[in-house]
Amino acid sequence: MELPPIMKRLLGRNAAPAEQVEKPMPAAPVVPPAAPAARKPAPPRRPPAALKLRGLEDARGAIYALILAGTDAARRPAGLKFVAEQESLPIAGHTKNLFKIAAQLAPAERLPYIDSCFTRLRTMPPEASDKFLRIVRVLIDADQRYTLPEFTLNILLQSRLGRSAPAGATAKLSRQEVIPEMRLLLSLMARAGTDDGDEAARNLSRLMFQLTGKPAEIAPASELNINGLTAALDRMRQAPAMVRETIVQTLAECVTLDGKVKPMEGELLAAIAARLGLPVPALDFSKLSRMES
């Protein structure tokens, strides 16, 4: 199912205001500006204080609530009824009680919220995990649209709780054979990092030059749909570990190019790394000037 106009959901304004430069007093000596301090990534945020999960039922309800918070309001009662029928009335009650917290999450709080649920969800036996993932897919599809936050949530859940073969288990694709998939995933991350299309295109081209020795054109927004992105990740899973590590490291570099990390960039990086069977790399802000030339 293809995304609605992805950039309306994906991109946020992050242009920094121009610096104000004061003229020195006539009699004062000119002092060269101090070298800027190296940027460091912000420490990880804790989940919302109100999110207190007492057990596995709370954790399942918290995920269902997060999905329903992004669902068309007219379809939420049917979603709650479906949870009651497929799970139980108590879990539907947990979902309803946790909805307010899920609906009021700031973008930067989504990933800590999801991670706190995983600490409980990973205790489920395989059969219960399979049933939970089926319910998640039905709830996501309930309003017949599939947003980028729903995509990252589903990828994280499938990667951490699903029973698919590990990435690289049947590695049979060379680096050269997955270049189109690298371009697609990097295009998504480049567009997530800036609302300036020209800047996104430059970043993509330079990073692809690093990977292949050739510049490349950024994928248009119309190519960044759920089916295409899911297929790209599944194909990348068939590449050797070194190739998968290279693309994840390059995606992490794309995140740091402007010295800021948007919540959706961090969530995308976590989801892609999980799907490719890799840890999320540390973000390195020491090369900011390299892309300015």
Protein backbone atom coordinates (compact mmCIF):
# COMPACT_ATOMS: atom_id res chain seq x y z
CA MET A 1 0.00 0.00 0.00
CA GLU A 2 1.52 3.30 -1.00
CA LEU A 3 2.06 6.20 1.36
CA PRO A 4 -0.02 9.36 1.13
CA PRO A 5 2.22 12.35 0.26
CA ILE A 6 5.16 11.22 2.33
CA MET A 7 6.92 14.50 2.66
CA LYS A 8 3.95 16.09 4.47
CA ARG A 9 4.40 13.54 7.24
CA LEU A 10 8.12 13.09 7.09
CA LEU A 11 9.72 16.49 6.87
CA GLY A 12 9.75 19.17 9.55
CA ARG A 13 11.14 22.67 9.58
CA ASN A 14 14.64 22.76 11.00
CA ALA A 15 16.32 25.71 9.39
CA ALA A 16 18.38 27.53 11.97
CA PRO A 17 18.09 31.34 12.11
CA ALA A 18 21.00 33.28 10.71
CA GLU A 19 23.61 34.23 13.29
CA GLN A 20 23.62 37.81 14.47
CA VAL A 21 27.09 39.33 14.06
CA GLU A 22 27.89 42.31 16.25
CA LYS A 23 30.35 44.95 15.06
CA PRO A 24 33.28 45.49 17.46
CA MET A 25 33.60 48.76 19.37
CA PRO A 26 35.91 51.17 17.52
CA ALA A 27 38.63 51.10 20.17
CA ALA A 28 38.40 47.41 21.01
CA PRO A 29 40.87 44.94 19.53
CA VAL A 30 39.50 42.36 17.13
CA VAL A 31 39.46 38.97 18.82
CA PRO A 32 39.22 35.93 16.57
CA PRO A 33 36.17 33.79 17.35
CA ALA A 34 36.71 30.69 19.41
CA ALA A 35 36.61 27.39 17.61
CA PRO A 36 33.15 25.83 17.93
CA ALA A 37 32.90 23.00 20.38
CA ALA A 38 32.47 19.56 18.91
CA ARG A 39 28.84 18.59 18.71
CA LYS A 40 27.74 15.63 20.72
CA PRO A 41 24.58 13.62 20.30
CA ALA A 42 21.89 14.30 22.88
CA PRO A 43 21.57 11.66 25.60
CA PRO A 44 18.76 9.16 25.04
CA ARG A 45 15.41 10.34 26.34
CA ARG A 46 13.49 8.38 28.91
CA PRO A 47 9.97 7.14 28.22
CA PRO A 48 7.12 9.39 29.39
CA ALA A 49 6.89 9.38 33.18
CA ALA A 50 3.19 8.47 32.95
CA LEU A 51 3.97 5.22 31.09
CA LYS A 52 4.15 2.62 33.85
CA LEU A 53 3.83 -0.87 32.45
CA ARG A 54 2.94 -3.40 35.09
CA GLY A 55 3.09 -6.45 32.87
CA LEU A 56 2.78 -7.99 29.43
CA GLU A 57 -0.88 -7.02 29.04
CA ASP A 58 -0.01 -3.36 29.64
CA ALA A 59 2.77 -3.55 27.05
CA ARG A 60 0.49 -5.01 24.39
CA GLY A 61 -2.15 -2.41 25.20
CA ALA A 62 0.45 0.36 24.96
CA ILE A 63 1.42 -0.69 21.41
CA TYR A 64 -2.22 -1.01 20.35
CA ALA A 65 -2.88 2.44 21.82
CA LEU A 66 0.04 3.91 19.88
CA ILE A 67 -1.35 2.53 16.61
CA LEU A 68 -4.88 3.71 17.36
CA ALA A 69 -3.57 7.19 18.20
CA GLY A 70 -2.54 7.49 14.54
CA THR A 71 -5.75 5.92 13.20
CA ASP A 72 -8.71 7.85 11.85
CA ALA A 73 -10.88 8.74 14.85
CA ALA A 74 -14.01 7.23 13.34
CA ARG A 75 -12.33 3.81 13.19
CA ARG A 76 -10.92 3.75 16.73
CA PRO A 77 -14.01 2.18 18.40
CA ALA A 78 -13.87 -0.68 15.89
CA GLY A 79 -10.16 -1.05 16.68
CA LEU A 80 -10.86 -1.33 20.40
CA LYS A 81 -13.63 -3.86 19.72
CA PHE A 82 -11.22 -5.90 17.60
CA VAL A 83 -8.64 -5.90 20.43
CA ALA A 84 -11.33 -7.08 22.87
CA GLU A 85 -12.37 -9.90 20.52
CA GLN A 86 -8.86 -11.05 19.62
CA GLU A 87 -7.21 -10.50 23.01
CA SER A 88 -9.50 -9.89 25.98
CA LEU A 89 -11.62 -7.21 27.59
CA PRO A 90 -8.86 -6.40 30.13
CA ILE A 91 -6.31 -5.75 27.36
CA ALA A 92 -8.84 -3.62 25.49
CA GLY A 93 -9.25 -1.72 28.77
CA HIS A 94 -5.48 -1.24 29.05
CA THR A 95 -5.46 0.02 25.46
CA LYS A 96 -8.20 2.54 26.21
CA ASN A 97 -6.50 3.72 29.41
CA LEU A 98 -3.13 4.17 27.69
CA PHE A 99 -4.55 5.93 24.65
CA LYS A 100 -4.21 9.42 26.12
CA ILE A 101 -0.51 8.90 26.82
CA ALA A 102 0.10 7.51 23.32
CA ALA A 103 -1.86 10.32 21.66
CA GLN A 104 0.12 13.03 23.47
CA LEU A 105 3.59 11.64 22.79
CA ALA A 106 6.11 14.12 21.47
CA PRO A 107 7.97 12.80 18.39
CA ALA A 108 11.17 12.39 20.44
CA GLU A 109 9.30 10.23 22.99
CA ARG A 110 8.06 7.60 20.52
CA LEU A 111 11.19 5.46 20.41
CA PRO A 112 11.72 5.38 24.22
CA TYR A 113 8.02 4.50 24.55
CA ILE A 114 8.39 1.62 22.07
CA ASP A 115 11.62 0.41 23.69
CA SER A 116 10.00 0.33 27.12
CA CYS A 117 7.24 -1.88 25.70
CA PHE A 118 9.82 -4.26 24.21
CA THR A 119 11.24 -5.03 27.63
CA ARG A 120 7.91 -6.75 28.38
CA LEU A 121 6.98 -7.99 24.89
CA ARG A 122 10.14 -10.02 24.42
CA THR A 123 8.96 -12.40 27.17
CA MET A 124 6.09 -13.64 24.99
CA PRO A 125 6.33 -17.21 23.67
CA PRO A 126 6.53 -17.55 19.85
CA GLU A 127 2.85 -18.37 19.32
CA ALA A 128 1.74 -15.34 21.35
CA SER A 129 4.20 -13.12 19.43
CA ASP A 130 2.78 -14.33 16.11
CA LYS A 131 -0.77 -13.53 17.23
CA PHE A 132 0.30 -10.11 18.55
CA LEU A 133 2.00 -9.22 15.26
CA ARG A 134 -1.10 -10.26 13.29
CA ILE A 135 -3.27 -7.97 15.42
CA VAL A 136 -0.78 -5.14 14.92
CA ARG A 137 -0.97 -5.53 11.13
CA VAL A 138 -4.79 -5.49 11.16
CA LEU A 139 -4.89 -2.36 13.33
CA ILE A 140 -2.37 -0.58 11.07
CA ASP A 141 -4.40 -1.45 7.98
CA ALA A 142 -7.75 -0.52 9.57
CA ASP A 143 -7.90 2.99 8.12
CA GLN A 144 -6.48 1.90 4.74
CA ARG A 145 -3.43 4.14 4.98
CA TYR A 146 0.11 3.38 6.10
CA THR A 147 2.15 6.24 7.55
CA LEU A 148 5.90 6.39 8.02
CA PRO A 149 5.65 6.12 11.85
CA GLU A 150 3.50 3.00 11.39
CA PHE A 151 6.11 1.62 8.97
CA THR A 152 8.96 2.09 11.46
CA LEU A 153 6.88 0.63 14.32
CA ASN A 154 5.93 -2.44 12.27
CA ILE A 155 9.54 -2.98 11.12
CA LEU A 156 10.80 -2.74 14.72
CA LEU A 157 8.17 -5.18 15.99
CA GLN A 158 8.72 -7.67 13.18
CA SER A 159 12.50 -7.50 13.58
CA ARG A 160 12.54 -7.95 17.35
CA LEU A 161 9.62 -10.33 17.83
CA GLY A 162 9.19 -12.13 14.50
CA ARG A 163 10.58 -15.54 13.62
CA SER A 164 12.02 -14.80 10.18
CA ALA A 165 15.47 -16.09 9.27
CA PRO A 166 18.29 -13.82 10.47
CA ALA A 167 19.63 -11.26 8.02
CA GLY A 168 22.45 -12.63 5.92
CA ALA A 169 21.50 -16.26 6.64
CA THR A 170 21.21 -16.83 2.89
CA ALA A 171 23.57 -14.09 1.72
CA LYS A 172 23.64 -14.28 -2.04
CA LEU A 173 23.62 -10.70 -3.30
CA SER A 174 26.80 -8.76 -3.95
CA ARG A 175 27.36 -5.12 -3.09
CA GLN A 176 26.84 -4.20 -6.74
CA GLU A 177 23.47 -5.96 -6.84
CA VAL A 178 21.99 -3.93 -3.95
CA ILE A 179 23.07 -0.45 -5.11
CA PRO A 180 19.45 0.46 -6.09
CA GLU A 181 18.30 -0.49 -2.58
CA MET A 182 21.10 1.58 -1.02
CA ARG A 183 20.01 4.58 -3.09
CA LEU A 184 16.36 4.17 -2.05
CA LEU A 185 17.10 3.90 1.68
CA LEU A 186 19.59 6.80 1.57
CA SER A 187 17.08 8.91 -0.37
CA LEU A 188 14.53 8.34 2.38
CA MET A 189 16.99 9.35 5.10
CA ALA A 190 18.27 12.37 3.13
CA ARG A 191 14.72 13.66 2.69
CA ALA A 192 13.97 13.01 6.37
CA GLY A 193 16.89 15.22 7.40
CA THR A 194 15.98 18.42 5.57
CA ASP A 195 13.04 20.15 3.91
CA ASP A 196 15.40 21.60 1.29
CA GLY A 197 15.13 19.31 -1.74
CA ASP A 198 18.38 20.57 -3.26
CA GLU A 199 20.29 19.92 -0.04
CA ALA A 200 18.81 16.43 0.24
CA ALA A 201 19.82 15.71 -3.37
CA ARG A 202 23.39 16.91 -2.75
CA ASN A 203 23.73 14.83 0.40
CA LEU A 204 22.42 11.74 -1.36
CA SER A 205 24.72 12.16 -4.34
CA ARG A 206 27.83 12.63 -2.20
CA LEU A 207 27.06 9.67 0.03
CA MET A 208 26.38 7.46 -2.97
CA PHE A 209 29.72 8.59 -4.40
CA GLN A 210 31.33 7.35 -1.18
CA LEU A 211 29.65 3.97 -1.64
CA THR A 212 30.04 3.45 -5.38
CA GLY A 213 32.50 6.01 -6.75
CA LYS A 214 29.67 7.56 -8.78
CA PRO A 215 27.16 10.33 -7.95
CA ALA A 216 23.48 9.49 -8.07
CA GLU A 217 20.14 11.26 -8.31
CA ILE A 218 17.85 11.23 -5.30
CA ALA A 219 14.79 8.99 -5.53
CA PRO A 220 11.60 11.00 -6.08
CA ALA A 221 9.04 11.03 -3.29
CA SER A 222 6.74 8.84 -5.39
CA GLU A 223 9.25 5.96 -5.08
CA LEU A 224 9.32 6.18 -1.30
CA ASN A 225 6.31 4.00 -0.65
CA ILE A 226 5.84 1.24 1.89
CA ASN A 227 5.96 -1.62 -0.61
CA GLY A 228 9.17 -0.36 -2.21
CA LEU A 229 10.89 0.32 1.11
CA THR A 230 9.90 -3.05 2.55
CA ALA A 231 11.14 -4.83 -0.58
CA ALA A 232 14.42 -2.87 -0.42
CA LEU A 233 15.00 -3.94 3.19
CA ASP A 234 14.19 -7.58 2.41
CA ARG A 235 16.63 -7.54 -0.49
CA MET A 236 19.34 -5.84 1.61
CA ARG A 237 18.95 -8.66 4.15
CA GLN A 238 20.36 -11.00 1.50
CA ALA A 239 23.63 -9.05 1.28
CA PRO A 240 26.77 -10.03 3.25
CA ALA A 241 27.28 -8.54 6.71
CA MET A 242 29.97 -6.11 5.52
CA VAL A 243 27.61 -4.62 2.92
CA ARG A 244 24.78 -4.28 5.44
CA GLU A 245 27.11 -2.65 7.97
CA THR A 246 28.33 -0.20 5.34
CA ILE A 247 24.84 1.01 4.41
CA VAL A 248 23.79 1.38 8.07
CA GLN A 249 26.96 3.38 8.83
CA THR A 250 26.29 5.58 5.80
CA LEU A 251 22.69 6.12 6.89
CA ALA A 252 23.99 7.16 10.32
CA GLU A 253 26.37 9.63 8.65
CA CYS A 254 23.42 11.03 6.67
CA VAL A 255 21.61 11.67 9.97
CA THR A 256 24.48 13.78 11.33
CA LEU A 257 25.15 15.98 8.29
CA ASP A 258 23.39 19.06 9.70
CA GLY A 259 24.43 18.49 13.32
CA LYS A 260 20.86 17.71 14.40
CA VAL A 261 18.96 14.47 14.83
CA LYS A 262 15.25 14.65 14.16
CA PRO A 263 13.16 12.08 16.03
CA MET A 264 12.02 10.44 12.79
CA GLU A 265 15.63 10.13 11.62
CA GLY A 266 16.54 8.28 14.81
CA GLU A 267 13.48 6.05 14.57
CA LEU A 268 14.18 5.25 10.91
CA LEU A 269 17.80 4.40 11.67
CA ALA A 270 16.76 2.11 14.55
CA ALA A 271 14.15 0.34 12.39
CA ILE A 272 16.47 -0.19 9.42
CA ALA A 273 19.34 -1.40 11.60
CA ALA A 274 17.02 -3.84 13.39
CA ARG A 275 15.67 -5.21 10.13
CA LEU A 276 19.20 -5.73 8.80
CA GLY A 277 20.23 -7.54 11.99
CA LEU A 278 22.66 -4.86 13.15
CA PRO A 279 23.03 -2.61 16.21
CA VAL A 280 22.34 1.09 15.83
CA PRO A 281 25.72 2.73 15.23
CA ALA A 282 26.96 5.58 17.39
CA LEU A 283 26.39 8.94 15.72
CA ASP A 284 29.65 10.73 14.86
CA PHE A 285 29.37 14.52 14.65
CA SER A 286 33.08 15.09 14.02
CA LYS A 287 32.82 15.32 10.21
CA LEU A 288 30.28 18.12 9.87
CA SER A 289 32.53 20.35 7.78
CA ARG A 290 33.39 17.59 5.31
CA MET A 291 30.09 17.93 3.45
CA GLU A 292 30.22 21.74 3.27
CA SER A 293 32.82 21.91 0.50
